[in-house]
Amino acid sequence: MGIIGSIIIGCLAGYCAGKLMKGGGFGFLMNLLLGLFGGTLGGWLFHQLGISWGGLLGQLGTAIVGAVVILYVASLLKK
């Protein structure tokens, strides 16, 4: 997938993660930015665990997991 597709997946992941997290995360734009980083973290984390999801939905799921982890850690640091 190209860079534009990866950005779109990351933004969708940030939006979804913001909806999943208690309190709604950090606001729309920050959730989108954290979703971009979450996609990278999710890909690395799943690679380390030997988990591989294929296709567009797999990439979105991986990015959402990473974004939720980042939003959780960021919420701990925010306190």
PDB file of N, CA and C in Angstrom:
ATOM      1  N   MET A   1       0.848  -1.168   0.000  1.00  0.00           N
ATOM      2  CA  MET A   1       0.000   0.000   0.000  1.00  0.00           C
ATOM      3  C   MET A   1       0.896   1.234   0.000  1.00  0.00           C
ATOM      4  N   GLY A   2       0.490   2.235  -0.709  1.00  0.00           N
ATOM      5  CA  GLY A   2       1.278   3.453  -0.811  1.00  0.00           C
ATOM      6  C   GLY A   2       1.207   4.301   0.443  1.00  0.00           C
ATOM      7  N   ILE A   3       1.939   5.387   0.404  1.00  0.00           N
ATOM      8  CA  ILE A   3       2.014   6.282   1.560  1.00  0.00           C
ATOM      9  C   ILE A   3       0.664   6.940   1.850  1.00  0.00           C
ATOM     10  N   ILE A   4      -0.079   7.296   0.820  1.00  0.00           N
ATOM     11  CA  ILE A   4      -1.395   7.914   1.016  1.00  0.00           C
ATOM     12  C   ILE A   4      -2.350   6.921   1.669  1.00  0.00           C
ATOM     13  N   GLY A   5      -2.326   5.686   1.218  1.00  0.00           N
ATOM     14  CA  GLY A   5      -3.168   4.646   1.819  1.00  0.00           C
ATOM     15  C   GLY A   5      -2.809   4.399   3.266  1.00  0.00           C
ATOM     16  N   SER A   6      -1.525   4.410   3.574  1.00  0.00           N
ATOM     17  CA  SER A   6      -1.085   4.220   4.953  1.00  0.00           C
ATOM     18  C   SER A   6      -1.536   5.368   5.842  1.00  0.00           C
ATOM     19  N   ILE A   7      -1.488   6.579   5.322  1.00  0.00           N
ATOM     20  CA  ILE A   7      -1.955   7.742   6.084  1.00  0.00           C
ATOM     21  C   ILE A   7      -3.453   7.635   6.347  1.00  0.00           C
ATOM     22  N   ILE A   8      -4.204   7.220   5.353  1.00  0.00           N
ATOM     23  CA  ILE A   8      -5.654   7.078   5.513  1.00  0.00           C
ATOM     24  C   ILE A   8      -5.967   5.998   6.551  1.00  0.00           C
ATOM     25  N   ILE A   9      -5.283   4.860   6.476  1.00  0.00           N
ATOM     26  CA  ILE A   9      -5.478   3.781   7.450  1.00  0.00           C
ATOM     27  C   ILE A   9      -5.129   4.282   8.848  1.00  0.00           C
ATOM     28  N   GLY A  10      -4.017   4.995   8.985  1.00  0.00           N
ATOM     29  CA  GLY A  10      -3.616   5.527  10.286  1.00  0.00           C
ATOM     30  C   GLY A  10      -4.634   6.498  10.859  1.00  0.00           C
ATOM     31  N   CYS A  11      -5.172   7.358  10.014  1.00  0.00           N
ATOM     32  CA  CYS A  11      -6.182   8.311  10.475  1.00  0.00           C
ATOM     33  C   CYS A  11      -7.462   7.609  10.899  1.00  0.00           C
ATOM     34  N   LEU A  12      -7.887   6.617  10.130  1.00  0.00           N
ATOM     35  CA  LEU A  12      -9.060   5.830  10.512  1.00  0.00           C
ATOM     36  C   LEU A  12      -8.818   5.103  11.829  1.00  0.00           C
ATOM     37  N   ALA A  13      -7.620   4.568  11.997  1.00  0.00           N
ATOM     38  CA  ALA A  13      -7.280   3.864  13.232  1.00  0.00           C
ATOM     39  C   ALA A  13      -7.311   4.813  14.416  1.00  0.00           C
ATOM     40  N   GLY A  14      -6.782   6.016  14.246  1.00  0.00           N
ATOM     41  CA  GLY A  14      -6.807   7.005  15.317  1.00  0.00           C
ATOM     42  C   GLY A  14      -8.222   7.396  15.699  1.00  0.00           C
ATOM     43  N   TYR A  15      -9.069   7.560  14.697  1.00  0.00           N
ATOM     44  CA  TYR A  15     -10.466   7.893  14.951  1.00  0.00           C
ATOM     45  C   TYR A  15     -11.150   6.768  15.724  1.00  0.00           C
ATOM     46  N   CYS A  16     -10.971   5.528  15.257  1.00  0.00           N
ATOM     47  CA  CYS A  16     -11.587   4.365  15.913  1.00  0.00           C
ATOM     48  C   CYS A  16     -11.054   4.182  17.331  1.00  0.00           C
ATOM     49  N   ALA A  17      -9.756   4.348  17.501  1.00  0.00           N
ATOM     50  CA  ALA A  17      -9.157   4.192  18.830  1.00  0.00           C
ATOM     51  C   ALA A  17      -9.683   5.261  19.780  1.00  0.00           C
ATOM     52  N   GLY A  18      -9.867   6.476  19.294  1.00  0.00           N
ATOM     53  CA  GLY A  18     -10.432   7.540  20.114  1.00  0.00           C
ATOM     54  C   GLY A  18     -11.843   7.218  20.574  1.00  0.00           C
ATOM     55  N   LYS A  19     -12.611   6.563  19.721  1.00  0.00           N
ATOM     56  CA  LYS A  19     -13.973   6.158  20.076  1.00  0.00           C
ATOM     57  C   LYS A  19     -13.967   4.995  21.062  1.00  0.00           C
ATOM     58  N   LEU A  20     -12.971   4.113  20.943  1.00  0.00           N
ATOM     59  CA  LEU A  20     -12.891   2.951  21.826  1.00  0.00           C
ATOM     60  C   LEU A  20     -12.394   3.294  23.226  1.00  0.00           C
ATOM     61  N   MET A  21     -11.543   4.289  23.320  1.00  0.00           N
ATOM     62  CA  MET A  21     -10.944   4.639  24.611  1.00  0.00           C
ATOM     63  C   MET A  21     -11.931   5.401  25.474  1.00  0.00           C
ATOM     64  N   LYS A  22     -11.911   5.103  26.756  1.00  0.00           N
ATOM     65  CA  LYS A  22     -12.757   5.805  27.712  1.00  0.00           C
ATOM     66  C   LYS A  22     -12.320   7.276  27.762  1.00  0.00           C
ATOM     67  N   GLY A  23     -13.255   8.164  27.626  1.00  0.00           N
ATOM     68  CA  GLY A  23     -12.936   9.584  27.648  1.00  0.00           C
ATOM     69  C   GLY A  23     -12.682  10.163  26.271  1.00  0.00           C
ATOM     70  N   GLY A  24     -12.671   9.349  25.234  1.00  0.00           N
ATOM     71  CA  GLY A  24     -12.553   9.854  23.876  1.00  0.00           C
ATOM     72  C   GLY A  24     -11.161  10.227  23.423  1.00  0.00           C
ATOM     73  N   GLY A  25     -10.153   9.922  24.191  1.00  0.00           N
ATOM     74  CA  GLY A  25      -8.791  10.205  23.762  1.00  0.00           C
ATOM     75  C   GLY A  25      -8.427  11.662  23.971  1.00  0.00           C
ATOM     76  N   PHE A  26      -7.751  12.260  22.988  1.00  0.00           N
ATOM     77  CA  PHE A  26      -7.189  13.601  23.135  1.00  0.00           C
ATOM     78  C   PHE A  26      -7.768  14.617  22.169  1.00  0.00           C
ATOM     79  N   GLY A  27      -8.868  14.332  21.584  1.00  0.00           N
ATOM     80  CA  GLY A  27      -9.432  15.228  20.586  1.00  0.00           C
ATOM     81  C   GLY A  27      -9.184  14.683  19.193  1.00  0.00           C
ATOM     82  N   PHE A  28      -9.946  15.162  18.257  1.00  0.00           N
ATOM     83  CA  PHE A  28      -9.960  14.593  16.908  1.00  0.00           C
ATOM     84  C   PHE A  28      -8.592  14.618  16.235  1.00  0.00           C
ATOM     85  N   LEU A  29      -7.957  15.777  16.151  1.00  0.00           N
ATOM     86  CA  LEU A  29      -6.685  15.876  15.431  1.00  0.00           C
ATOM     87  C   LEU A  29      -5.572  15.084  16.110  1.00  0.00           C
ATOM     88  N   MET A  30      -5.495  15.163  17.431  1.00  0.00           N
ATOM     89  CA  MET A  30      -4.446  14.433  18.139  1.00  0.00           C
ATOM     90  C   MET A  30      -4.667  12.927  18.012  1.00  0.00           C
ATOM     91  N   ASN A  31      -5.919  12.479  18.052  1.00  0.00           N
ATOM     92  CA  ASN A  31      -6.206  11.057  17.853  1.00  0.00           C
ATOM     93  C   ASN A  31      -5.756  10.595  16.470  1.00  0.00           C
ATOM     94  N   LEU A  32      -5.961  11.439  15.467  1.00  0.00           N
ATOM     95  CA  LEU A  32      -5.525  11.083  14.120  1.00  0.00           C
ATOM     96  C   LEU A  32      -4.006  10.961  14.049  1.00  0.00           C
ATOM     97  N   LEU A  33      -3.308  11.911  14.658  1.00  0.00           N
ATOM     98  CA  LEU A  33      -1.843  11.850  14.664  1.00  0.00           C
ATOM     99  C   LEU A  33      -1.342  10.635  15.437  1.00  0.00           C
ATOM    100  N   LEU A  34      -1.943  10.372  16.579  1.00  0.00           N
ATOM    101  CA  LEU A  34      -1.552   9.191  17.342  1.00  0.00           C
ATOM    102  C   LEU A  34      -1.894   7.909  16.590  1.00  0.00           C
ATOM    103  N   GLY A  35      -2.937   7.941  15.789  1.00  0.00           N
ATOM    104  CA  GLY A  35      -3.292   6.790  14.950  1.00  0.00           C
ATOM    105  C   GLY A  35      -2.230   6.503  13.905  1.00  0.00           C
ATOM    106  N   LEU A  36      -1.630   7.547  13.358  1.00  0.00           N
ATOM    107  CA  LEU A  36      -0.544   7.353  12.398  1.00  0.00           C
ATOM    108  C   LEU A  36       0.633   6.631  13.052  1.00  0.00           C
ATOM    109  N   PHE A  37       1.002   7.076  14.238  1.00  0.00           N
ATOM    110  CA  PHE A  37       2.079   6.406  14.966  1.00  0.00           C
ATOM    111  C   PHE A  37       1.640   5.031  15.442  1.00  0.00           C
ATOM    112  N   GLY A  38       0.375   4.896  15.767  1.00  0.00           N
ATOM    113  CA  GLY A  38      -0.161   3.612  16.217  1.00  0.00           C
ATOM    114  C   GLY A  38      -0.094   2.544  15.147  1.00  0.00           C
ATOM    115  N   GLY A  39      -0.285   2.935  13.903  1.00  0.00           N
ATOM    116  CA  GLY A  39      -0.162   1.978  12.802  1.00  0.00           C
ATOM    117  C   GLY A  39       1.233   1.393  12.735  1.00  0.00           C
ATOM    118  N   THR A  40       2.218   2.232  12.931  1.00  0.00           N
ATOM    119  CA  THR A  40       3.606   1.771  12.927  1.00  0.00           C
ATOM    120  C   THR A  40       3.877   0.884  14.135  1.00  0.00           C
ATOM    121  N   LEU A  41       3.406   1.315  15.304  1.00  0.00           N
ATOM    122  CA  LEU A  41       3.603   0.522  16.519  1.00  0.00           C
ATOM    123  C   LEU A  41       2.890  -0.818  16.418  1.00  0.00           C
ATOM    124  N   GLY A  42       1.661  -0.812  15.929  1.00  0.00           N
ATOM    125  CA  GLY A  42       0.901  -2.051  15.787  1.00  0.00           C
ATOM    126  C   GLY A  42       1.586  -3.032  14.849  1.00  0.00           C
ATOM    127  N   GLY A  43       2.107  -2.534  13.726  1.00  0.00           N
ATOM    128  CA  GLY A  43       2.834  -3.391  12.792  1.00  0.00           C
ATOM    129  C   GLY A  43       4.069  -3.998  13.427  1.00  0.00           C
ATOM    130  N   TRP A  44       4.818  -3.192  14.176  1.00  0.00           N
ATOM    131  CA  TRP A  44       6.021  -3.691  14.846  1.00  0.00           C
ATOM    132  C   TRP A  44       5.660  -4.701  15.933  1.00  0.00           C
ATOM    133  N   LEU A  45       4.639  -4.372  16.728  1.00  0.00           N
ATOM    134  CA  LEU A  45       4.229  -5.242  17.823  1.00  0.00           C
ATOM    135  C   LEU A  45       3.746  -6.589  17.302  1.00  0.00           C
ATOM    136  N   PHE A  46       2.920  -6.578  16.278  1.00  0.00           N
ATOM    137  CA  PHE A  46       2.417  -7.832  15.726  1.00  0.00           C
ATOM    138  C   PHE A  46       3.544  -8.639  15.086  1.00  0.00           C
ATOM    139  N   HIS A  47       4.492  -7.966  14.466  1.00  0.00           N
ATOM    140  CA  HIS A  47       5.641  -8.661  13.887  1.00  0.00           C
ATOM    141  C   HIS A  47       6.438  -9.369  14.984  1.00  0.00           C
ATOM    142  N   GLN A  48       6.636  -8.698  16.116  1.00  0.00           N
ATOM    143  CA  GLN A  48       7.374  -9.288  17.234  1.00  0.00           C
ATOM    144  C   GLN A  48       6.647 -10.504  17.808  1.00  0.00           C
ATOM    145  N   LEU A  49       5.317 -10.467  17.787  1.00  0.00           N
ATOM    146  CA  LEU A  49       4.520 -11.569  18.313  1.00  0.00           C
ATOM    147  C   LEU A  49       4.272 -12.665  17.283  1.00  0.00           C
ATOM    148  N   GLY A  50       4.697 -12.438  16.049  1.00  0.00           N
ATOM    149  CA  GLY A  50       4.501 -13.426  14.992  1.00  0.00           C
ATOM    150  C   GLY A  50       3.075 -13.481  14.462  1.00  0.00           C
ATOM    151  N   ILE A  51       2.340 -12.395  14.628  1.00  0.00           N
ATOM    152  CA  ILE A  51       0.954 -12.321  14.163  1.00  0.00           C
ATOM    153  C   ILE A  51       0.929 -11.570  12.843  1.00  0.00           C
ATOM    154  N   SER A  52       0.188 -12.101  11.888  1.00  0.00           N
ATOM    155  CA  SER A  52       0.085 -11.453  10.587  1.00  0.00           C
ATOM    156  C   SER A  52      -1.363 -11.464  10.116  1.00  0.00           C
ATOM    157  N   TRP A  53      -1.911 -10.268   9.918  1.00  0.00           N
ATOM    158  CA  TRP A  53      -3.241 -10.127   9.358  1.00  0.00           C
ATOM    159  C   TRP A  53      -3.090  -9.620   7.943  1.00  0.00           C
ATOM    160  N   GLY A  54      -3.774 -10.219   7.012  1.00  0.00           N
ATOM    161  CA  GLY A  54      -3.661  -9.799   5.625  1.00  0.00           C
ATOM    162  C   GLY A  54      -4.795  -8.882   5.211  1.00  0.00           C
ATOM    163  N   GLY A  55      -4.572  -8.188   4.139  1.00  0.00           N
ATOM    164  CA  GLY A  55      -5.601  -7.359   3.542  1.00  0.00           C
ATOM    165  C   GLY A  55      -5.797  -6.020   4.224  1.00  0.00           C
ATOM    166  N   LEU A  56      -6.719  -5.285   3.692  1.00  0.00           N
ATOM    167  CA  LEU A  56      -7.024  -3.942   4.177  1.00  0.00           C
ATOM    168  C   LEU A  56      -7.572  -3.967   5.605  1.00  0.00           C
ATOM    169  N   LEU A  57      -8.476  -4.899   5.889  1.00  0.00           N
ATOM    170  CA  LEU A  57      -9.038  -4.989   7.233  1.00  0.00           C
ATOM    171  C   LEU A  57      -7.982  -5.411   8.250  1.00  0.00           C
ATOM    172  N   GLY A  58      -7.064  -6.247   7.847  1.00  0.00           N
ATOM    173  CA  GLY A  58      -5.967  -6.643   8.727  1.00  0.00           C
ATOM    174  C   GLY A  58      -5.071  -5.471   9.064  1.00  0.00           C
ATOM    175  N   GLN A  59      -4.770  -4.663   8.063  1.00  0.00           N
ATOM    176  CA  GLN A  59      -3.948  -3.468   8.303  1.00  0.00           C
ATOM    177  C   GLN A  59      -4.676  -2.485   9.213  1.00  0.00           C
ATOM    178  N   LEU A  60      -5.971  -2.332   8.995  1.00  0.00           N
ATOM    179  CA  LEU A  60      -6.756  -1.426   9.836  1.00  0.00           C
ATOM    180  C   LEU A  60      -6.810  -1.950  11.271  1.00  0.00           C
ATOM    181  N   GLY A  61      -7.030  -3.242  11.434  1.00  0.00           N
ATOM    182  CA  GLY A  61      -7.062  -3.834  12.774  1.00  0.00           C
ATOM    183  C   GLY A  61      -5.737  -3.681  13.495  1.00  0.00           C
ATOM    184  N   THR A  62      -4.655  -3.913  12.787  1.00  0.00           N
ATOM    185  CA  THR A  62      -3.321  -3.756  13.362  1.00  0.00           C
ATOM    186  C   THR A  62      -3.090  -2.314  13.792  1.00  0.00           C
ATOM    187  N   ALA A  63      -3.472  -1.380  12.946  1.00  0.00           N
ATOM    188  CA  ALA A  63      -3.291   0.041  13.255  1.00  0.00           C
ATOM    189  C   ALA A  63      -4.163   0.460  14.433  1.00  0.00           C
ATOM    190  N   ILE A  64      -5.374  -0.079  14.537  1.00  0.00           N
ATOM    191  CA  ILE A  64      -6.250   0.259  15.652  1.00  0.00           C
ATOM    192  C   ILE A  64      -5.651  -0.241  16.962  1.00  0.00           C
ATOM    193  N   VAL A  65      -5.137  -1.460  16.961  1.00  0.00           N
ATOM    194  CA  VAL A  65      -4.501  -1.998  18.175  1.00  0.00           C
ATOM    195  C   VAL A  65      -3.332  -1.106  18.594  1.00  0.00           C
ATOM    196  N   GLY A  66      -2.490  -0.742  17.645  1.00  0.00           N
ATOM    197  CA  GLY A  66      -1.362   0.131  17.954  1.00  0.00           C
ATOM    198  C   GLY A  66      -1.804   1.493  18.456  1.00  0.00           C
ATOM    199  N   ALA A  67      -2.843   2.052  17.847  1.00  0.00           N
ATOM    200  CA  ALA A  67      -3.338   3.366  18.254  1.00  0.00           C
ATOM    201  C   ALA A  67      -3.946   3.315  19.656  1.00  0.00           C
ATOM    202  N   VAL A  68      -4.647   2.233  19.977  1.00  0.00           N
ATOM    203  CA  VAL A  68      -5.208   2.086  21.320  1.00  0.00           C
ATOM    204  C   VAL A  68      -4.084   2.019  22.347  1.00  0.00           C
ATOM    205  N   VAL A  69      -3.020   1.280  22.026  1.00  0.00           N
ATOM    206  CA  VAL A  69      -1.875   1.183  22.945  1.00  0.00           C
ATOM    207  C   VAL A  69      -1.261   2.564  23.154  1.00  0.00           C
ATOM    208  N   ILE A  70      -1.057   3.300  22.071  1.00  0.00           N
ATOM    209  CA  ILE A  70      -0.464   4.636  22.191  1.00  0.00           C
ATOM    210  C   ILE A  70      -1.378   5.581  22.962  1.00  0.00           C
ATOM    211  N   LEU A  71      -2.675   5.551  22.699  1.00  0.00           N
ATOM    212  CA  LEU A  71      -3.598   6.411  23.435  1.00  0.00           C
ATOM    213  C   LEU A  71      -3.627   6.042  24.916  1.00  0.00           C
ATOM    214  N   TYR A  72      -3.530   4.762  25.224  1.00  0.00           N
ATOM    215  CA  TYR A  72      -3.513   4.329  26.616  1.00  0.00           C
ATOM    216  C   TYR A  72      -2.263   4.847  27.328  1.00  0.00           C
ATOM    217  N   VAL A  73      -1.107   4.671  26.698  1.00  0.00           N
ATOM    218  CA  VAL A  73       0.147   5.146  27.297  1.00  0.00           C
ATOM    219  C   VAL A  73       0.121   6.668  27.425  1.00  0.00           C
ATOM    220  N   ALA A  74      -0.380   7.356  26.402  1.00  0.00           N
ATOM    221  CA  ALA A  74      -0.451   8.813  26.452  1.00  0.00           C
ATOM    222  C   ALA A  74      -1.396   9.281  27.559  1.00  0.00           C
ATOM    223  N   SER A  75      -2.481   8.554  27.785  1.00  0.00           N
ATOM    224  CA  SER A  75      -3.406   8.930  28.861  1.00  0.00           C
ATOM    225  C   SER A  75      -2.775   8.727  30.234  1.00  0.00           C
ATOM    226  N   LEU A  76      -1.902   7.723  30.361  1.00  0.00           N
ATOM    227  CA  LEU A  76      -1.192   7.525  31.616  1.00  0.00           C
ATOM    228  C   LEU A  76      -0.199   8.661  31.869  1.00  0.00           C
ATOM    229  N   LEU A  77       0.456   9.121  30.811  1.00  0.00           N
ATOM    230  CA  LEU A  77       1.417  10.210  30.942  1.00  0.00           C
ATOM    231  C   LEU A  77       0.727  11.555  31.164  1.00  0.00           C
ATOM    232  N   LYS A  78      -0.497  11.675  30.707  1.00  0.00           N
ATOM    233  CA  LYS A  78      -1.257  12.928  30.838  1.00  0.00           C
ATOM    234  C   LYS A  78      -1.658  13.207  32.283  1.00  0.00           C
ATOM    235  N   LYS A  79      -1.811  12.143  33.066  1.00  0.00           N
ATOM    236  CA  LYS A  79      -2.269  12.299  34.456  1.00  0.00           C
ATOM    237  C   LYS A  79      -1.265  12.979  35.319  1.00  0.00           C
TER     238      LYS A  79
END
